[in-house]
Amino acid sequence: LATLTAEEMASDALKQERSKLNESAINEHQLAMDEGTGTDLIQCGKCKQNNCAYTEAQTRSADEPMTLFVFCKNCGHRWKVAD
């Protein structure tokens, strides 16, 4: 009898894809559409405008730098910056 779960038996490529989807879903819920600190110092890679909002969160261990979550107020594009 198999004792591994479907997740444990998945190929490395499938595990990576699942991880990316999980991370994407988490990121979408961490920064609301109208929250964050507004800035014109960050340029959106999608629409090239400088009308963004950002928040910072500690998503990794305490000795790692904080992750910056950015939201473009013009086109709605979201991305994160982790140093």
PDB file of N, CA and C in Angstrom:
ATOM      1  N   LEU A   1       0.834  -1.189   0.000  1.00  0.00           N
ATOM      2  CA  LEU A   1       0.000   0.000   0.000  1.00  0.00           C
ATOM      3  C   LEU A   1       0.876   1.249   0.000  1.00  0.00           C
ATOM      4  N   ALA A   2       0.458   2.244  -0.712  1.00  0.00           N
ATOM      5  CA  ALA A   2       1.199   3.505  -0.766  1.00  0.00           C
ATOM      6  C   ALA A   2       0.927   4.306   0.503  1.00  0.00           C
ATOM      7  N   THR A   3       1.993   4.823   1.068  1.00  0.00           N
ATOM      8  CA  THR A   3       1.845   5.622   2.285  1.00  0.00           C
ATOM      9  C   THR A   3       2.071   7.109   2.030  1.00  0.00           C
ATOM     10  N   LEU A   4       2.481   7.455   0.820  1.00  0.00           N
ATOM     11  CA  LEU A   4       2.719   8.859   0.492  1.00  0.00           C
ATOM     12  C   LEU A   4       1.422   9.526   0.042  1.00  0.00           C
ATOM     13  N   THR A   5       1.316  10.812   0.319  1.00  0.00           N
ATOM     14  CA  THR A   5       0.158  11.565  -0.160  1.00  0.00           C
ATOM     15  C   THR A   5       0.380  11.946  -1.619  1.00  0.00           C
ATOM     16  N   ALA A   6      -0.661  12.418  -2.267  1.00  0.00           N
ATOM     17  CA  ALA A   6      -0.544  12.859  -3.660  1.00  0.00           C
ATOM     18  C   ALA A   6       0.454  14.003  -3.781  1.00  0.00           C
ATOM     19  N   GLU A   7       0.504  14.872  -2.790  1.00  0.00           N
ATOM     20  CA  GLU A   7       1.454  15.986  -2.806  1.00  0.00           C
ATOM     21  C   GLU A   7       2.893  15.484  -2.708  1.00  0.00           C
ATOM     22  N   GLU A   8       3.114  14.461  -1.907  1.00  0.00           N
ATOM     23  CA  GLU A   8       4.464  13.916  -1.744  1.00  0.00           C
ATOM     24  C   GLU A   8       4.918  13.162  -2.990  1.00  0.00           C
ATOM     25  N   MET A   9       3.991  12.585  -3.726  1.00  0.00           N
ATOM     26  CA  MET A   9       4.344  11.822  -4.928  1.00  0.00           C
ATOM     27  C   MET A   9       4.460  12.691  -6.179  1.00  0.00           C
ATOM     28  N   ALA A  10       4.060  13.942  -6.094  1.00  0.00           N
ATOM     29  CA  ALA A  10       4.071  14.827  -7.264  1.00  0.00           C
ATOM     30  C   ALA A  10       5.492  15.057  -7.757  1.00  0.00           C
ATOM     31  N   SER A  11       5.608  15.302  -9.047  1.00  0.00           N
ATOM     32  CA  SER A  11       6.920  15.592  -9.632  1.00  0.00           C
ATOM     33  C   SER A  11       7.417  16.941  -9.116  1.00  0.00           C
ATOM     34  N   ASP A  12       8.720  17.189  -9.264  1.00  0.00           N
ATOM     35  CA  ASP A  12       9.292  18.455  -8.816  1.00  0.00           C
ATOM     36  C   ASP A  12       8.659  19.635  -9.545  1.00  0.00           C
ATOM     37  N   ALA A  13       8.385  19.467 -10.833  1.00  0.00           N
ATOM     38  CA  ALA A  13       7.769  20.543 -11.610  1.00  0.00           C
ATOM     39  C   ALA A  13       6.373  20.872 -11.077  1.00  0.00           C
ATOM     40  N   LEU A  14       5.607  19.845 -10.756  1.00  0.00           N
ATOM     41  CA  LEU A  14       4.264  20.059 -10.224  1.00  0.00           C
ATOM     42  C   LEU A  14       4.327  20.696  -8.836  1.00  0.00           C
ATOM     43  N   LYS A  15       5.286  20.276  -8.023  1.00  0.00           N
ATOM     44  CA  LYS A  15       5.455  20.875  -6.698  1.00  0.00           C
ATOM     45  C   LYS A  15       5.776  22.361  -6.820  1.00  0.00           C
ATOM     46  N   GLN A  16       6.641  22.725  -7.772  1.00  0.00           N
ATOM     47  CA  GLN A  16       6.987  24.131  -7.983  1.00  0.00           C
ATOM     48  C   GLN A  16       5.767  24.927  -8.444  1.00  0.00           C
ATOM     49  N   GLU A  17       4.999  24.365  -9.356  1.00  0.00           N
ATOM     50  CA  GLU A  17       3.805  25.047  -9.859  1.00  0.00           C
ATOM     51  C   GLU A  17       2.797  25.264  -8.733  1.00  0.00           C
ATOM     52  N   ARG A  18       2.593  24.262  -7.906  1.00  0.00           N
ATOM     53  CA  ARG A  18       1.674  24.394  -6.770  1.00  0.00           C
ATOM     54  C   ARG A  18       2.169  25.460  -5.802  1.00  0.00           C
ATOM     55  N   SER A  19       3.473  25.495  -5.576  1.00  0.00           N
ATOM     56  CA  SER A  19       4.059  26.484  -4.681  1.00  0.00           C
ATOM     57  C   SER A  19       3.840  27.898  -5.213  1.00  0.00           C
ATOM     58  N   LYS A  20       4.027  28.087  -6.523  1.00  0.00           N
ATOM     59  CA  LYS A  20       3.814  29.405  -7.135  1.00  0.00           C
ATOM     60  C   LYS A  20       2.355  29.833  -7.019  1.00  0.00           C
ATOM     61  N   LEU A  21       1.441  28.906  -7.262  1.00  0.00           N
ATOM     62  CA  LEU A  21       0.018  29.226  -7.163  1.00  0.00           C
ATOM     63  C   LEU A  21      -0.368  29.585  -5.733  1.00  0.00           C
ATOM     64  N   ASN A  22       0.177  28.843  -4.773  1.00  0.00           N
ATOM     65  CA  ASN A  22      -0.073  29.128  -3.363  1.00  0.00           C
ATOM     66  C   ASN A  22       0.422  30.517  -3.001  1.00  0.00           C
ATOM     67  N   GLU A  23       1.652  30.818  -3.406  1.00  0.00           N
ATOM     68  CA  GLU A  23       2.263  32.109  -3.101  1.00  0.00           C
ATOM     69  C   GLU A  23       1.477  33.243  -3.748  1.00  0.00           C
ATOM     70  N   SER A  24       1.032  33.035  -4.969  1.00  0.00           N
ATOM     71  CA  SER A  24       0.248  34.043  -5.679  1.00  0.00           C
ATOM     72  C   SER A  24      -1.068  34.319  -4.948  1.00  0.00           C
ATOM     73  N   ALA A  25      -1.729  33.278  -4.512  1.00  0.00           N
ATOM     74  CA  ALA A  25      -2.996  33.440  -3.795  1.00  0.00           C
ATOM     75  C   ALA A  25      -2.793  34.184  -2.482  1.00  0.00           C
ATOM     76  N   ILE A  26      -1.714  33.872  -1.787  1.00  0.00           N
ATOM     77  CA  ILE A  26      -1.412  34.553  -0.527  1.00  0.00           C
ATOM     78  C   ILE A  26      -1.133  36.027  -0.783  1.00  0.00           C
ATOM     79  N   ASN A  27      -0.315  36.312  -1.794  1.00  0.00           N
ATOM     80  CA  ASN A  27       0.044  37.699  -2.105  1.00  0.00           C
ATOM     81  C   ASN A  27      -1.170  38.535  -2.461  1.00  0.00           C
ATOM     82  N   GLU A  28      -2.116  37.971  -3.190  1.00  0.00           N
ATOM     83  CA  GLU A  28      -3.311  38.706  -3.591  1.00  0.00           C
ATOM     84  C   GLU A  28      -4.162  39.110  -2.395  1.00  0.00           C
ATOM     85  N   HIS A  29      -4.092  38.351  -1.324  1.00  0.00           N
ATOM     86  CA  HIS A  29      -4.911  38.646  -0.157  1.00  0.00           C
ATOM     87  C   HIS A  29      -4.178  39.454   0.900  1.00  0.00           C
ATOM     88  N   GLN A  30      -2.869  39.636   0.751  1.00  0.00           N
ATOM     89  CA  GLN A  30      -2.123  40.371   1.766  1.00  0.00           C
ATOM     90  C   GLN A  30      -2.222  41.881   1.597  1.00  0.00           C
ATOM     91  N   LEU A  31      -2.497  42.370   0.422  1.00  0.00           N
ATOM     92  CA  LEU A  31      -2.589  43.804   0.182  1.00  0.00           C
ATOM     93  C   LEU A  31      -3.935  44.109  -0.451  1.00  0.00           C
ATOM     94  N   ALA A  32      -4.773  44.791   0.293  1.00  0.00           N
ATOM     95  CA  ALA A  32      -6.084  45.149  -0.241  1.00  0.00           C
ATOM     96  C   ALA A  32      -5.911  46.203  -1.336  1.00  0.00           C
ATOM     97  N   MET A  33      -6.930  46.353  -2.172  1.00  0.00           N
ATOM     98  CA  MET A  33      -6.854  47.263  -3.314  1.00  0.00           C
ATOM     99  C   MET A  33      -6.611  48.710  -2.894  1.00  0.00           C
ATOM    100  N   ASP A  34      -7.163  49.163  -1.786  1.00  0.00           N
ATOM    101  CA  ASP A  34      -7.073  50.574  -1.434  1.00  0.00           C
ATOM    102  C   ASP A  34      -6.178  50.834  -0.229  1.00  0.00           C
ATOM    103  N   GLU A  35      -5.429  49.865   0.225  1.00  0.00           N
ATOM    104  CA  GLU A  35      -4.574  50.043   1.384  1.00  0.00           C
ATOM    105  C   GLU A  35      -3.127  50.179   0.972  1.00  0.00           C
ATOM    106  N   GLY A  36      -2.343  50.649   1.896  1.00  0.00           N
ATOM    107  CA  GLY A  36      -0.923  50.791   1.644  1.00  0.00           C
ATOM    108  C   GLY A  36      -0.520  52.252   1.629  1.00  0.00           C
ATOM    109  N   THR A  37       0.766  52.460   1.569  1.00  0.00           N
ATOM    110  CA  THR A  37       1.325  53.797   1.536  1.00  0.00           C
ATOM    111  C   THR A  37       1.523  54.209   0.085  1.00  0.00           C
ATOM    112  N   GLY A  38       0.925  55.306  -0.297  1.00  0.00           N
ATOM    113  CA  GLY A  38       1.059  55.776  -1.667  1.00  0.00           C
ATOM    114  C   GLY A  38       2.463  56.300  -1.941  1.00  0.00           C
ATOM    115  N   THR A  39       2.950  56.081  -3.142  1.00  0.00           N
ATOM    116  CA  THR A  39       4.273  56.564  -3.528  1.00  0.00           C
ATOM    117  C   THR A  39       4.339  56.790  -5.032  1.00  0.00           C
ATOM    118  N   ASP A  40       5.207  57.722  -5.420  1.00  0.00           N
ATOM    119  CA  ASP A  40       5.482  57.910  -6.844  1.00  0.00           C
ATOM    120  C   ASP A  40       6.923  57.522  -7.162  1.00  0.00           C
ATOM    121  N   LEU A  41       7.578  56.855  -6.223  1.00  0.00           N
ATOM    122  CA  LEU A  41       8.968  56.435  -6.395  1.00  0.00           C
ATOM    123  C   LEU A  41       9.100  55.053  -7.020  1.00  0.00           C
ATOM    124  N   ILE A  42       7.995  54.330  -7.117  1.00  0.00           N
ATOM    125  CA  ILE A  42       8.013  52.984  -7.692  1.00  0.00           C
ATOM    126  C   ILE A  42       7.256  53.024  -9.011  1.00  0.00           C
ATOM    127  N   GLN A  43       7.869  52.480 -10.056  1.00  0.00           N
ATOM    128  CA  GLN A  43       7.222  52.459 -11.374  1.00  0.00           C
ATOM    129  C   GLN A  43       6.643  51.074 -11.649  1.00  0.00           C
ATOM    130  N   CYS A  44       5.410  51.051 -12.111  1.00  0.00           N
ATOM    131  CA  CYS A  44       4.754  49.797 -12.478  1.00  0.00           C
ATOM    132  C   CYS A  44       5.415  49.233 -13.730  1.00  0.00           C
ATOM    133  N   GLY A  45       5.741  47.966 -13.707  1.00  0.00           N
ATOM    134  CA  GLY A  45       6.349  47.325 -14.858  1.00  0.00           C
ATOM    135  C   GLY A  45       5.364  47.058 -15.981  1.00  0.00           C
ATOM    136  N   LYS A  46       4.079  47.118 -15.674  1.00  0.00           N
ATOM    137  CA  LYS A  46       3.060  46.827 -16.684  1.00  0.00           C
ATOM    138  C   LYS A  46       2.619  48.088 -17.433  1.00  0.00           C
ATOM    139  N   CYS A  47       2.209  49.134 -16.707  1.00  0.00           N
ATOM    140  CA  CYS A  47       1.703  50.342 -17.364  1.00  0.00           C
ATOM    141  C   CYS A  47       2.703  51.501 -17.347  1.00  0.00           C
ATOM    142  N   LYS A  48       3.827  51.305 -16.672  1.00  0.00           N
ATOM    143  CA  LYS A  48       4.915  52.299 -16.613  1.00  0.00           C
ATOM    144  C   LYS A  48       4.540  53.591 -15.892  1.00  0.00           C
ATOM    145  N   GLN A  49       3.474  53.579 -15.105  1.00  0.00           N
ATOM    146  CA  GLN A  49       3.077  54.753 -14.331  1.00  0.00           C
ATOM    147  C   GLN A  49       3.705  54.695 -12.938  1.00  0.00           C
ATOM    148  N   ASN A  50       3.768  55.831 -12.271  1.00  0.00           N
ATOM    149  CA  ASN A  50       4.368  55.907 -10.938  1.00  0.00           C
ATOM    150  C   ASN A  50       3.312  56.182  -9.872  1.00  0.00           C
ATOM    151  N   ASN A  51       2.155  55.607  -9.996  1.00  0.00           N
ATOM    152  CA  ASN A  51       1.065  55.792  -9.047  1.00  0.00           C
ATOM    153  C   ASN A  51       0.820  54.465  -8.337  1.00  0.00           C
ATOM    154  N   CYS A  52       1.628  54.194  -7.310  1.00  0.00           N
ATOM    155  CA  CYS A  52       1.590  52.895  -6.637  1.00  0.00           C
ATOM    156  C   CYS A  52       1.346  53.057  -5.145  1.00  0.00           C
ATOM    157  N   ALA A  53       0.988  51.971  -4.518  1.00  0.00           N
ATOM    158  CA  ALA A  53       0.883  51.876  -3.067  1.00  0.00           C
ATOM    159  C   ALA A  53       1.649  50.632  -2.654  1.00  0.00           C
ATOM    160  N   TYR A  54       2.204  50.657  -1.449  1.00  0.00           N
ATOM    161  CA  TYR A  54       2.972  49.505  -0.999  1.00  0.00           C
ATOM    162  C   TYR A  54       2.765  49.258   0.489  1.00  0.00           C
ATOM    163  N   THR A  55       2.998  48.025   0.884  1.00  0.00           N
ATOM    164  CA  THR A  55       3.064  47.650   2.291  1.00  0.00           C
ATOM    165  C   THR A  55       4.262  46.737   2.454  1.00  0.00           C
ATOM    166  N   GLU A  56       4.760  46.648   3.665  1.00  0.00           N
ATOM    167  CA  GLU A  56       5.864  45.746   3.970  1.00  0.00           C
ATOM    168  C   GLU A  56       5.376  44.706   4.959  1.00  0.00           C
ATOM    169  N   ALA A  57       5.859  43.488   4.801  1.00  0.00           N
ATOM    170  CA  ALA A  57       5.484  42.417   5.719  1.00  0.00           C
ATOM    171  C   ALA A  57       6.667  41.484   5.914  1.00  0.00           C
ATOM    172  N   GLN A  58       6.764  40.941   7.099  1.00  0.00           N
ATOM    173  CA  GLN A  58       7.807  39.964   7.408  1.00  0.00           C
ATOM    174  C   GLN A  58       7.263  38.594   7.027  1.00  0.00           C
ATOM    175  N   THR A  59       7.636  38.105   5.841  1.00  0.00           N
ATOM    176  CA  THR A  59       7.095  36.838   5.349  1.00  0.00           C
ATOM    177  C   THR A  59       8.061  35.683   5.527  1.00  0.00           C
ATOM    178  N   ARG A  60       9.303  36.002   5.851  1.00  0.00           N
ATOM    179  CA  ARG A  60      10.305  34.955   6.040  1.00  0.00           C
ATOM    180  C   ARG A  60      10.804  35.021   7.478  1.00  0.00           C
ATOM    181  N   SER A  61      11.913  34.386   7.764  1.00  0.00           N
ATOM    182  CA  SER A  61      12.419  34.377   9.132  1.00  0.00           C
ATOM    183  C   SER A  61      12.828  35.783   9.564  1.00  0.00           C
ATOM    184  N   ALA A  62      12.935  35.983  10.858  1.00  0.00           N
ATOM    185  CA  ALA A  62      13.177  37.313  11.414  1.00  0.00           C
ATOM    186  C   ALA A  62      14.503  37.922  10.969  1.00  0.00           C
ATOM    187  N   ASP A  63      15.491  37.103  10.630  1.00  0.00           N
ATOM    188  CA  ASP A  63      16.783  37.656  10.218  1.00  0.00           C
ATOM    189  C   ASP A  63      16.835  37.969   8.722  1.00  0.00           C
ATOM    190  N   GLU A  64      15.751  37.763   8.004  1.00  0.00           N
ATOM    191  CA  GLU A  64      15.658  38.089   6.580  1.00  0.00           C
ATOM    192  C   GLU A  64      14.991  39.457   6.432  1.00  0.00           C
ATOM    193  N   PRO A  65      15.298  40.172   5.339  1.00  0.00           N
ATOM    194  CA  PRO A  65      14.651  41.474   5.146  1.00  0.00           C
ATOM    195  C   PRO A  65      13.151  41.325   4.883  1.00  0.00           C
ATOM    196  N   MET A  66      12.425  42.404   5.125  1.00  0.00           N
ATOM    197  CA  MET A  66      10.980  42.395   4.910  1.00  0.00           C
ATOM    198  C   MET A  66      10.670  42.347   3.416  1.00  0.00           C
ATOM    199  N   THR A  67       9.498  41.840   3.085  1.00  0.00           N
ATOM    200  CA  THR A  67       9.039  41.771   1.701  1.00  0.00           C
ATOM    201  C   THR A  67       8.144  42.975   1.435  1.00  0.00           C
ATOM    202  N   LEU A  68       8.361  43.627   0.303  1.00  0.00           N
ATOM    203  CA  LEU A  68       7.586  44.792  -0.099  1.00  0.00           C
ATOM    204  C   LEU A  68       6.511  44.341  -1.085  1.00  0.00           C
ATOM    205  N   PHE A  69       5.244  44.590  -0.758  1.00  0.00           N
ATOM    206  CA  PHE A  69       4.131  44.258  -1.640  1.00  0.00           C
ATOM    207  C   PHE A  69       3.650  45.554  -2.288  1.00  0.00           C
ATOM    208  N   VAL A  70       3.663  45.596  -3.620  1.00  0.00           N
ATOM    209  CA  VAL A  70       3.348  46.820  -4.356  1.00  0.00           C
ATOM    210  C   VAL A  70       2.083  46.607  -5.186  1.00  0.00           C
ATOM    211  N   PHE A  71       1.267  47.640  -5.245  1.00  0.00           N
ATOM    212  CA  PHE A  71       0.016  47.625  -6.002  1.00  0.00           C
ATOM    213  C   PHE A  71      -0.045  48.884  -6.853  1.00  0.00           C
ATOM    214  N   CYS A  72      -0.234  48.730  -8.155  1.00  0.00           N
ATOM    215  CA  CYS A  72      -0.373  49.874  -9.059  1.00  0.00           C
ATOM    216  C   CYS A  72      -1.819  50.361  -9.002  1.00  0.00           C
ATOM    217  N   LYS A  73      -1.998  51.623  -8.649  1.00  0.00           N
ATOM    218  CA  LYS A  73      -3.341  52.193  -8.546  1.00  0.00           C
ATOM    219  C   LYS A  73      -3.964  52.457  -9.914  1.00  0.00           C
ATOM    220  N   ASN A  74      -3.153  52.475 -10.970  1.00  0.00           N
ATOM    221  CA  ASN A  74      -3.686  52.724 -12.315  1.00  0.00           C
ATOM    222  C   ASN A  74      -4.247  51.459 -12.953  1.00  0.00           C
ATOM    223  N   CYS A  75      -3.427  50.411 -13.016  1.00  0.00           N
ATOM    224  CA  CYS A  75      -3.842  49.215 -13.761  1.00  0.00           C
ATOM    225  C   CYS A  75      -4.161  48.016 -12.867  1.00  0.00           C
ATOM    226  N   GLY A  76      -3.879  48.106 -11.559  1.00  0.00           N
ATOM    227  CA  GLY A  76      -4.187  47.010 -10.651  1.00  0.00           C
ATOM    228  C   GLY A  76      -3.128  45.926 -10.579  1.00  0.00           C
ATOM    229  N   HIS A  77      -2.021  46.100 -11.298  1.00  0.00           N
ATOM    230  CA  HIS A  77      -0.939  45.109 -11.280  1.00  0.00           C
ATOM    231  C   HIS A  77      -0.358  45.014  -9.872  1.00  0.00           C
ATOM    232  N   ARG A  78      -0.081  43.795  -9.442  1.00  0.00           N
ATOM    233  CA  ARG A  78       0.504  43.548  -8.120  1.00  0.00           C
ATOM    234  C   ARG A  78       1.800  42.784  -8.280  1.00  0.00           C
ATOM    235  N   TRP A  79       2.768  43.109  -7.444  1.00  0.00           N
ATOM    236  CA  TRP A  79       4.014  42.354  -7.429  1.00  0.00           C
ATOM    237  C   TRP A  79       4.665  42.525  -6.075  1.00  0.00           C
ATOM    238  N   LYS A  80       5.685  41.739  -5.839  1.00  0.00           N
ATOM    239  CA  LYS A  80       6.400  41.842  -4.570  1.00  0.00           C
ATOM    240  C   LYS A  80       7.881  42.014  -4.848  1.00  0.00           C
ATOM    241  N   VAL A  81       8.540  42.651  -3.906  1.00  0.00           N
ATOM    242  CA  VAL A  81       9.978  42.861  -3.989  1.00  0.00           C
ATOM    243  C   VAL A  81      10.575  42.280  -2.718  1.00  0.00           C
ATOM    244  N   ALA A  82      11.394  41.259  -2.875  1.00  0.00           N
ATOM    245  CA  ALA A  82      12.066  40.639  -1.733  1.00  0.00           C
ATOM    246  C   ALA A  82      13.561  40.757  -1.963  1.00  0.00           C
ATOM    247  N   ASP A  83      14.231  41.476  -1.076  1.00  0.00           N
ATOM    248  CA  ASP A  83      15.685  41.669  -1.240  1.00  0.00           C
ATOM    249  C   ASP A  83      16.456  40.420  -0.945  1.00  0.00           C
TER     250      ASP A  83
END
